[in-house]
Amino acid sequence: MAEEQKTQRNTTPQERKARGGGRRDNRRNGARDEAPKEFEEVVINIDRVARVVKGGRRFRFKALVVVGNRKNKVGVGVAKGADVQTAIAKATDVAKKNLINVPITNETIPHEAEVKLSGAQVLIKPAAPGTGIIAGGVVRSVISVTGIRNMLSKSLGSTNKVNIAYATIEALRSQVPREQWVGAKPKSAKKPAKKPAEKPAKKEEK
């Protein structure tokens, strides 16, 4: 045993790494091998709420989470838990169950929309390329996990973060793709090619 310990002490860190390293190296390698997540999670707000019972107060945590795949899917969830991690996990599950598809045209929304939900009122507008996301707080957090890169917005009325988040989701849900607008011409439709005019047949000479 003493000889084995001496040989381990005499070995260099490079040799240990070549042999496979220790437990710490294995943990690091295992973390790197994990597949990337499909959805990105953003915690918007965490509140501590209390319920009054006979023996006193029971404190819990309420989390507001938005998830998205940075393409065209986004969802918002609210849940409570005994601790912060539990509340975030529950809210994430709720958000993934209520995903919506957002029509995106040239990295912006197809048209303007204004939605009032409870006391919150949110206005969103399309923007030209290079404008960026002009939004504050909650609206920016919701838009950041979608594929939208240029948009104008304004939050009116209540400052309740939960209501603003749900109002933003409803505004995105109300978007109609450009192809489905009334009177819009489908892109696939092509004008029929004009046929060359037929020349009149010559009369036969007698």
C-alpha atoms as a PDB file:
ATOM      1  CA  MET A   1       0.000   0.000   0.000  1.00  0.00           C
ATOM      2  CA  ALA A   2       2.790   2.416   0.895  1.00  0.00           C
ATOM      3  CA  GLU A   3       4.489   1.812  -2.457  1.00  0.00           C
ATOM      4  CA  GLU A   4       1.236   2.458  -4.365  1.00  0.00           C
ATOM      5  CA  GLN A   5       0.697   5.746  -2.518  1.00  0.00           C
ATOM      6  CA  LYS A   6       4.259   6.813  -3.351  1.00  0.00           C
ATOM      7  CA  THR A   7       3.733   6.069  -7.041  1.00  0.00           C
ATOM      8  CA  GLN A   8       0.473   8.073  -7.037  1.00  0.00           C
ATOM      9  CA  ARG A   9       2.236  11.051  -5.428  1.00  0.00           C
ATOM     10  CA  ASN A  10       5.098  10.895  -7.910  1.00  0.00           C
ATOM     11  CA  THR A  11       2.798  10.915 -10.960  1.00  0.00           C
ATOM     12  CA  THR A  12       2.236  14.261 -12.663  1.00  0.00           C
ATOM     13  CA  PRO A  13      -1.241  15.825 -13.190  1.00  0.00           C
ATOM     14  CA  GLN A  14      -0.899  15.173 -16.947  1.00  0.00           C
ATOM     15  CA  GLU A  15      -0.410  11.442 -16.335  1.00  0.00           C
ATOM     16  CA  ARG A  16      -3.411  11.327 -13.999  1.00  0.00           C
ATOM     17  CA  LYS A  17      -5.512  13.092 -16.634  1.00  0.00           C
ATOM     18  CA  ALA A  18      -4.422  10.577 -19.274  1.00  0.00           C
ATOM     19  CA  ARG A  19      -5.451   7.704 -16.992  1.00  0.00           C
ATOM     20  CA  GLY A  20      -8.919   9.122 -16.580  1.00  0.00           C
ATOM     21  CA  GLY A  21      -8.595  11.727 -13.846  1.00  0.00           C
ATOM     22  CA  GLY A  22     -10.512  11.700 -10.611  1.00  0.00           C
ATOM     23  CA  ARG A  23     -14.162  12.025  -9.722  1.00  0.00           C
ATOM     24  CA  ARG A  24     -14.065  15.776 -10.235  1.00  0.00           C
ATOM     25  CA  ASP A  25     -12.969  15.361 -13.887  1.00  0.00           C
ATOM     26  CA  ASN A  26     -15.676  12.774 -14.494  1.00  0.00           C
ATOM     27  CA  ARG A  27     -18.327  15.155 -13.198  1.00  0.00           C
ATOM     28  CA  ARG A  28     -17.127  17.914 -15.489  1.00  0.00           C
ATOM     29  CA  ASN A  29     -17.121  15.639 -18.525  1.00  0.00           C
ATOM     30  CA  GLY A  30     -20.599  14.375 -17.685  1.00  0.00           C
ATOM     31  CA  ALA A  31     -21.920  17.933 -17.509  1.00  0.00           C
ATOM     32  CA  ARG A  32     -20.475  18.729 -20.940  1.00  0.00           C
ATOM     33  CA  ASP A  33     -22.075  15.671 -22.546  1.00  0.00           C
ATOM     34  CA  GLU A  34     -25.593  16.853 -21.682  1.00  0.00           C
ATOM     35  CA  ALA A  35     -27.692  17.765 -24.720  1.00  0.00           C
ATOM     36  CA  PRO A  36     -28.628  21.461 -25.087  1.00  0.00           C
ATOM     37  CA  LYS A  37     -32.086  22.400 -23.887  1.00  0.00           C
ATOM     38  CA  GLU A  38     -34.785  22.961 -26.479  1.00  0.00           C
ATOM     39  CA  PHE A  39     -36.394  25.820 -24.548  1.00  0.00           C
ATOM     40  CA  GLU A  40     -34.750  28.745 -22.819  1.00  0.00           C
ATOM     41  CA  GLU A  41     -36.138  29.660 -19.383  1.00  0.00           C
ATOM     42  CA  VAL A  42     -36.203  33.205 -18.008  1.00  0.00           C
ATOM     43  CA  VAL A  43     -37.374  33.948 -14.452  1.00  0.00           C
ATOM     44  CA  ILE A  44     -39.195  37.290 -14.588  1.00  0.00           C
ATOM     45  CA  ASN A  45     -40.225  37.678 -10.962  1.00  0.00           C
ATOM     46  CA  ILE A  46     -40.300  35.831  -7.616  1.00  0.00           C
ATOM     47  CA  ASP A  47     -42.606  36.917  -4.795  1.00  0.00           C
ATOM     48  CA  ARG A  48     -42.972  35.657  -1.254  1.00  0.00           C
ATOM     49  CA  VAL A  49     -46.618  35.143  -0.393  1.00  0.00           C
ATOM     50  CA  ALA A  50     -48.152  34.309   2.993  1.00  0.00           C
ATOM     51  CA  ARG A  51     -51.277  32.431   4.012  1.00  0.00           C
ATOM     52  CA  VAL A  52     -52.702  33.084   7.468  1.00  0.00           C
ATOM     53  CA  VAL A  53     -53.653  29.919   9.349  1.00  0.00           C
ATOM     54  CA  LYS A  54     -54.613  29.143  12.930  1.00  0.00           C
ATOM     55  CA  GLY A  55     -51.024  28.700  14.081  1.00  0.00           C
ATOM     56  CA  GLY A  56     -49.673  31.786  12.301  1.00  0.00           C
ATOM     57  CA  ARG A  57     -48.486  32.423   8.754  1.00  0.00           C
ATOM     58  CA  ARG A  58     -47.281  29.978   6.148  1.00  0.00           C
ATOM     59  CA  PHE A  59     -44.841  31.482   3.682  1.00  0.00           C
ATOM     60  CA  ARG A  60     -44.492  30.236   0.111  1.00  0.00           C
ATOM     61  CA  PHE A  61     -42.883  31.528  -3.082  1.00  0.00           C
ATOM     62  CA  LYS A  62     -44.608  32.476  -6.336  1.00  0.00           C
ATOM     63  CA  ALA A  63     -42.557  32.420  -9.556  1.00  0.00           C
ATOM     64  CA  LEU A  64     -43.302  33.982 -12.944  1.00  0.00           C
ATOM     65  CA  VAL A  65     -41.367  32.225 -15.726  1.00  0.00           C
ATOM     66  CA  VAL A  66     -41.309  32.598 -19.520  1.00  0.00           C
ATOM     67  CA  VAL A  67     -39.966  29.866 -21.835  1.00  0.00           C
ATOM     68  CA  GLY A  68     -39.218  29.994 -25.556  1.00  0.00           C
ATOM     69  CA  ASN A  69     -37.148  28.313 -28.265  1.00  0.00           C
ATOM     70  CA  ARG A  70     -35.923  31.590 -29.854  1.00  0.00           C
ATOM     71  CA  LYS A  71     -37.863  30.720 -33.010  1.00  0.00           C
ATOM     72  CA  ASN A  72     -41.631  30.970 -32.906  1.00  0.00           C
ATOM     73  CA  LYS A  73     -42.768  29.332 -29.643  1.00  0.00           C
ATOM     74  CA  VAL A  74     -43.226  31.110 -26.320  1.00  0.00           C
ATOM     75  CA  GLY A  75     -45.204  30.535 -23.128  1.00  0.00           C
ATOM     76  CA  VAL A  76     -45.697  32.053 -19.662  1.00  0.00           C
ATOM     77  CA  GLY A  77     -46.378  30.224 -16.419  1.00  0.00           C
ATOM     78  CA  VAL A  78     -47.074  31.133 -12.784  1.00  0.00           C
ATOM     79  CA  ALA A  79     -46.825  28.674  -9.885  1.00  0.00           C
ATOM     80  CA  LYS A  80     -46.203  28.509  -6.137  1.00  0.00           C
ATOM     81  CA  GLY A  81     -43.873  26.296  -4.144  1.00  0.00           C
ATOM     82  CA  ALA A  82     -42.425  25.743  -0.692  1.00  0.00           C
ATOM     83  CA  ASP A  83     -39.034  27.009  -1.906  1.00  0.00           C
ATOM     84  CA  VAL A  84     -37.752  29.035  -4.844  1.00  0.00           C
ATOM     85  CA  GLN A  85     -36.478  26.099  -6.913  1.00  0.00           C
ATOM     86  CA  THR A  86     -39.768  24.221  -6.585  1.00  0.00           C
ATOM     87  CA  ALA A  87     -41.768  27.286  -7.599  1.00  0.00           C
ATOM     88  CA  ILE A  88     -39.562  27.865 -10.675  1.00  0.00           C
ATOM     89  CA  ALA A  89     -39.805  24.210 -11.721  1.00  0.00           C
ATOM     90  CA  LYS A  90     -43.605  24.218 -11.425  1.00  0.00           C
ATOM     91  CA  ALA A  91     -43.932  27.521 -13.302  1.00  0.00           C
ATOM     92  CA  THR A  92     -41.684  26.197 -16.084  1.00  0.00           C
ATOM     93  CA  ASP A  93     -43.902  23.124 -16.508  1.00  0.00           C
ATOM     94  CA  VAL A  94     -47.001  25.337 -16.682  1.00  0.00           C
ATOM     95  CA  ALA A  95     -45.353  27.561 -19.305  1.00  0.00           C
ATOM     96  CA  LYS A  96     -44.361  24.574 -21.477  1.00  0.00           C
ATOM     97  CA  LYS A  97     -47.941  23.292 -21.409  1.00  0.00           C
ATOM     98  CA  ASN A  98     -49.276  26.661 -22.666  1.00  0.00           C
ATOM     99  CA  LEU A  99     -46.952  27.405 -25.593  1.00  0.00           C
ATOM    100  CA  ILE A 100     -48.188  29.502 -28.519  1.00  0.00           C
ATOM    101  CA  ASN A 101     -46.859  29.884 -32.072  1.00  0.00           C
ATOM    102  CA  VAL A 102     -45.930  33.440 -33.072  1.00  0.00           C
ATOM    103  CA  PRO A 103     -45.943  34.323 -36.791  1.00  0.00           C
ATOM    104  CA  ILE A 104     -42.699  36.163 -37.566  1.00  0.00           C
ATOM    105  CA  THR A 105     -42.052  38.108 -40.779  1.00  0.00           C
ATOM    106  CA  ASN A 106     -38.565  39.511 -41.460  1.00  0.00           C
ATOM    107  CA  GLU A 107     -37.656  39.171 -37.737  1.00  0.00           C
ATOM    108  CA  THR A 108     -40.630  41.306 -36.659  1.00  0.00           C
ATOM    109  CA  ILE A 109     -44.379  40.880 -36.107  1.00  0.00           C
ATOM    110  CA  PRO A 110     -46.817  41.085 -39.041  1.00  0.00           C
ATOM    111  CA  HIS A 111     -48.981  43.937 -37.738  1.00  0.00           C
ATOM    112  CA  GLU A 112     -49.832  46.195 -34.811  1.00  0.00           C
ATOM    113  CA  ALA A 113     -51.853  44.886 -31.854  1.00  0.00           C
ATOM    114  CA  GLU A 114     -53.202  46.320 -28.610  1.00  0.00           C
ATOM    115  CA  VAL A 115     -54.540  44.040 -25.877  1.00  0.00           C
ATOM    116  CA  LYS A 116     -56.093  44.877 -22.513  1.00  0.00           C
ATOM    117  CA  LEU A 117     -56.089  42.114 -19.909  1.00  0.00           C
ATOM    118  CA  SER A 118     -57.421  42.914 -16.444  1.00  0.00           C
ATOM    119  CA  GLY A 119     -55.701  46.217 -15.548  1.00  0.00           C
ATOM    120  CA  ALA A 120     -52.745  45.815 -17.917  1.00  0.00           C
ATOM    121  CA  GLN A 121     -52.693  47.148 -21.475  1.00  0.00           C
ATOM    122  CA  VAL A 122     -49.919  46.321 -23.951  1.00  0.00           C
ATOM    123  CA  LEU A 123     -49.315  47.823 -27.398  1.00  0.00           C
ATOM    124  CA  ILE A 124     -46.900  46.172 -29.848  1.00  0.00           C
ATOM    125  CA  LYS A 125     -45.868  47.407 -33.301  1.00  0.00           C
ATOM    126  CA  PRO A 126     -43.663  46.038 -36.090  1.00  0.00           C
ATOM    127  CA  ALA A 127     -40.345  47.808 -36.668  1.00  0.00           C
ATOM    128  CA  ALA A 128     -37.819  48.174 -39.495  1.00  0.00           C
ATOM    129  CA  PRO A 129     -34.662  46.030 -39.567  1.00  0.00           C
ATOM    130  CA  GLY A 130     -31.986  47.340 -37.205  1.00  0.00           C
ATOM    131  CA  THR A 131     -34.426  48.905 -34.748  1.00  0.00           C
ATOM    132  CA  GLY A 132     -34.026  46.237 -32.062  1.00  0.00           C
ATOM    133  CA  ILE A 133     -36.507  45.449 -29.307  1.00  0.00           C
ATOM    134  CA  ILE A 134     -37.845  48.689 -27.843  1.00  0.00           C
ATOM    135  CA  ALA A 135     -39.572  47.390 -24.744  1.00  0.00           C
ATOM    136  CA  GLY A 136     -39.269  47.512 -21.007  1.00  0.00           C
ATOM    137  CA  GLY A 137     -39.087  44.996 -18.202  1.00  0.00           C
ATOM    138  CA  VAL A 138     -41.607  42.195 -18.591  1.00  0.00           C
ATOM    139  CA  VAL A 139     -42.382  42.733 -22.284  1.00  0.00           C
ATOM    140  CA  ARG A 140     -38.677  42.598 -23.164  1.00  0.00           C
ATOM    141  CA  SER A 141     -38.241  39.367 -21.178  1.00  0.00           C
ATOM    142  CA  VAL A 142     -41.101  37.717 -23.091  1.00  0.00           C
ATOM    143  CA  ILE A 143     -39.919  38.920 -26.518  1.00  0.00           C
ATOM    144  CA  SER A 144     -36.265  38.002 -25.833  1.00  0.00           C
ATOM    145  CA  VAL A 145     -36.965  34.230 -25.978  1.00  0.00           C
ATOM    146  CA  THR A 146     -38.716  34.446 -29.379  1.00  0.00           C
ATOM    147  CA  GLY A 147     -37.261  34.937 -32.836  1.00  0.00           C
ATOM    148  CA  ILE A 148     -38.367  38.585 -32.937  1.00  0.00           C
ATOM    149  CA  ARG A 149     -35.428  40.986 -33.358  1.00  0.00           C
ATOM    150  CA  ASN A 150     -37.165  44.288 -34.196  1.00  0.00           C
ATOM    151  CA  MET A 151     -40.298  45.525 -32.427  1.00  0.00           C
ATOM    152  CA  LEU A 152     -41.795  48.576 -30.724  1.00  0.00           C
ATOM    153  CA  SER A 153     -43.950  48.265 -27.612  1.00  0.00           C
ATOM    154  CA  LYS A 154     -45.607  50.277 -24.883  1.00  0.00           C
ATOM    155  CA  SER A 155     -47.014  49.080 -21.566  1.00  0.00           C
ATOM    156  CA  LEU A 156     -50.066  51.049 -20.437  1.00  0.00           C
ATOM    157  CA  GLY A 157     -52.182  50.856 -17.291  1.00  0.00           C
ATOM    158  CA  SER A 158     -51.312  48.447 -14.486  1.00  0.00           C
ATOM    159  CA  THR A 159     -47.730  47.623 -13.495  1.00  0.00           C
ATOM    160  CA  ASN A 160     -48.630  44.118 -12.299  1.00  0.00           C
ATOM    161  CA  LYS A 161     -45.958  41.882 -13.849  1.00  0.00           C
ATOM    162  CA  VAL A 162     -48.191  38.818 -14.151  1.00  0.00           C
ATOM    163  CA  ASN A 163     -50.921  40.728 -15.986  1.00  0.00           C
ATOM    164  CA  ILE A 164     -48.402  42.429 -18.292  1.00  0.00           C
ATOM    165  CA  ALA A 165     -46.828  39.067 -19.166  1.00  0.00           C
ATOM    166  CA  TYR A 166     -50.183  37.491 -20.002  1.00  0.00           C
ATOM    167  CA  ALA A 167     -51.265  40.603 -21.943  1.00  0.00           C
ATOM    168  CA  THR A 168     -48.073  40.355 -24.026  1.00  0.00           C
ATOM    169  CA  ILE A 169     -48.787  36.682 -24.756  1.00  0.00           C
ATOM    170  CA  GLU A 170     -52.347  37.532 -25.844  1.00  0.00           C
ATOM    171  CA  ALA A 171     -51.023  40.292 -28.119  1.00  0.00           C
ATOM    172  CA  LEU A 172     -48.643  37.802 -29.758  1.00  0.00           C
ATOM    173  CA  ARG A 173     -51.434  35.216 -30.006  1.00  0.00           C
ATOM    174  CA  SER A 174     -53.616  37.718 -31.894  1.00  0.00           C
ATOM    175  CA  GLN A 175     -51.050  38.097 -34.685  1.00  0.00           C
ATOM    176  CA  VAL A 176     -52.259  36.975 -38.116  1.00  0.00           C
ATOM    177  CA  PRO A 177     -49.698  35.926 -40.757  1.00  0.00           C
ATOM    178  CA  ARG A 178     -49.467  38.199 -43.777  1.00  0.00           C
ATOM    179  CA  GLU A 179     -50.611  35.381 -46.074  1.00  0.00           C
ATOM    180  CA  GLN A 180     -53.956  35.178 -44.227  1.00  0.00           C
ATOM    181  CA  TRP A 181     -54.844  38.865 -44.485  1.00  0.00           C
ATOM    182  CA  VAL A 182     -58.071  39.714 -46.331  1.00  0.00           C
ATOM    183  CA  GLY A 183     -57.253  40.517 -49.933  1.00  0.00           C
ATOM    184  CA  ALA A 184     -53.645  39.362 -49.660  1.00  0.00           C
ATOM    185  CA  LYS A 185     -52.291  37.566 -52.702  1.00  0.00           C
ATOM    186  CA  PRO A 186     -50.650  34.234 -51.957  1.00  0.00           C
ATOM    187  CA  LYS A 187     -46.952  34.121 -52.766  1.00  0.00           C
ATOM    188  CA  SER A 188     -47.229  30.808 -54.577  1.00  0.00           C
ATOM    189  CA  ALA A 189     -49.736  32.144 -57.114  1.00  0.00           C
ATOM    190  CA  LYS A 190     -48.038  32.944 -60.391  1.00  0.00           C
ATOM    191  CA  LYS A 191     -49.449  34.793 -63.339  1.00  0.00           C
ATOM    192  CA  PRO A 192     -50.149  32.476 -66.290  1.00  0.00           C
ATOM    193  CA  ALA A 193     -47.728  32.977 -69.139  1.00  0.00           C
ATOM    194  CA  LYS A 194     -49.182  34.718 -72.171  1.00  0.00           C
ATOM    195  CA  LYS A 195     -49.510  32.531 -75.206  1.00  0.00           C
ATOM    196  CA  PRO A 196     -48.131  33.962 -78.474  1.00  0.00           C
ATOM    197  CA  ALA A 197     -50.847  35.251 -80.787  1.00  0.00           C
ATOM    198  CA  GLU A 198     -51.639  32.833 -83.553  1.00  0.00           C
ATOM    199  CA  LYS A 199     -51.120  34.163 -87.044  1.00  0.00           C
ATOM    200  CA  PRO A 200     -54.099  33.967 -89.374  1.00  0.00           C
ATOM    201  CA  ALA A 201     -53.823  31.181 -91.933  1.00  0.00           C
ATOM    202  CA  LYS A 202     -53.029  32.299 -95.455  1.00  0.00           C
ATOM    203  CA  LYS A 203     -55.691  31.783 -98.077  1.00  0.00           C
ATOM    204  CA  GLU A 204     -54.817  29.276-100.679  1.00  0.00           C
ATOM    205  CA  GLU A 205     -54.396  30.782-104.163  1.00  0.00           C
ATOM    206  CA  LYS A 206     -56.584  29.310-106.836  1.00  0.00           C
END
